[in-house]
Amino acid sequence: MLEVLVCPMSQATLEYDAERQELISKSAGLAYPIRNGIPVMLQDEARELE
């Protein structure tokens, strides 16, 4: 499934962080949460990467 998901901001591919349950977009500097097994691909819900 990860192969078909892209960052809604940058259209770049995402990396899966199993420990934090997030999808990481390095190009946008955002981490999208995964809640109950469902990725939340909204910019307002994303965490900025340090």
C-alpha atoms as a PDB file:
ATOM      1  CA  MET A   1       0.000   0.000   0.000  1.00  0.00           C
ATOM      2  CA  LEU A   2       2.869   2.376   0.767  1.00  0.00           C
ATOM      3  CA  GLU A   3       3.902   2.347  -2.890  1.00  0.00           C
ATOM      4  CA  VAL A   4       0.720   4.154  -3.958  1.00  0.00           C
ATOM      5  CA  LEU A   5       0.697   6.809  -1.223  1.00  0.00           C
ATOM      6  CA  VAL A   6       2.464  10.113  -1.809  1.00  0.00           C
ATOM      7  CA  CYS A   7       2.763  13.291   0.193  1.00  0.00           C
ATOM      8  CA  PRO A   8      -0.176  15.586  -0.590  1.00  0.00           C
ATOM      9  CA  MET A   9       2.114  18.630  -0.350  1.00  0.00           C
ATOM     10  CA  SER A  10       5.173  17.573  -2.364  1.00  0.00           C
ATOM     11  CA  GLN A  11       3.898  14.498  -4.246  1.00  0.00           C
ATOM     12  CA  ALA A  12       7.052  12.700  -3.046  1.00  0.00           C
ATOM     13  CA  THR A  13       7.168   9.117  -1.829  1.00  0.00           C
ATOM     14  CA  LEU A  14       6.765   8.445   1.886  1.00  0.00           C
ATOM     15  CA  GLU A  15       8.781   6.424   4.374  1.00  0.00           C
ATOM     16  CA  TYR A  16       7.116   4.340   7.076  1.00  0.00           C
ATOM     17  CA  ASP A  17       8.202   4.860  10.702  1.00  0.00           C
ATOM     18  CA  ALA A  18       6.868   1.786  12.516  1.00  0.00           C
ATOM     19  CA  GLU A  19       7.958   2.978  15.963  1.00  0.00           C
ATOM     20  CA  ARG A  20       6.037   6.261  15.770  1.00  0.00           C
ATOM     21  CA  GLN A  21       3.286   4.968  13.451  1.00  0.00           C
ATOM     22  CA  GLU A  22       3.855   7.772  10.942  1.00  0.00           C
ATOM     23  CA  LEU A  23       4.473   8.256   7.253  1.00  0.00           C
ATOM     24  CA  ILE A  24       7.445  10.556   6.717  1.00  0.00           C
ATOM     25  CA  SER A  25       7.805  13.046   3.882  1.00  0.00           C
ATOM     26  CA  LYS A  26      11.394  14.281   3.988  1.00  0.00           C
ATOM     27  CA  SER A  27      10.838  16.645   1.052  1.00  0.00           C
ATOM     28  CA  ALA A  28       7.954  18.428   2.824  1.00  0.00           C
ATOM     29  CA  GLY A  29       9.451  18.051   6.305  1.00  0.00           C
ATOM     30  CA  LEU A  30       6.254  16.471   7.631  1.00  0.00           C
ATOM     31  CA  ALA A  31       5.213  13.288   9.396  1.00  0.00           C
ATOM     32  CA  TYR A  32       1.643  12.101   8.817  1.00  0.00           C
ATOM     33  CA  PRO A  33       0.118  10.027  11.627  1.00  0.00           C
ATOM     34  CA  ILE A  34      -1.390   6.578  11.212  1.00  0.00           C
ATOM     35  CA  ARG A  35      -4.446   6.131  13.433  1.00  0.00           C
ATOM     36  CA  ASN A  36      -6.187   2.783  13.782  1.00  0.00           C
ATOM     37  CA  GLY A  37      -4.254   1.573  10.736  1.00  0.00           C
ATOM     38  CA  ILE A  38      -5.420   4.488   8.556  1.00  0.00           C
ATOM     39  CA  PRO A  39      -2.978   7.167   7.333  1.00  0.00           C
ATOM     40  CA  VAL A  40      -4.204  10.705   8.062  1.00  0.00           C
ATOM     41  CA  MET A  41      -2.902  12.601   5.042  1.00  0.00           C
ATOM     42  CA  LEU A  42      -3.962  16.097   6.101  1.00  0.00           C
ATOM     43  CA  GLN A  43      -1.425  18.894   6.477  1.00  0.00           C
ATOM     44  CA  ASP A  44      -3.216  20.183   9.588  1.00  0.00           C
ATOM     45  CA  GLU A  45      -2.737  16.784  11.266  1.00  0.00           C
ATOM     46  CA  ALA A  46       0.917  16.376  10.250  1.00  0.00           C
ATOM     47  CA  ARG A  47       3.829  16.917  12.601  1.00  0.00           C
ATOM     48  CA  GLU A  48       6.759  19.053  11.457  1.00  0.00           C
ATOM     49  CA  LEU A  49      10.046  17.192  11.407  1.00  0.00           C
ATOM     50  CA  GLU A  50      12.894  18.533  13.509  1.00  0.00           C
END
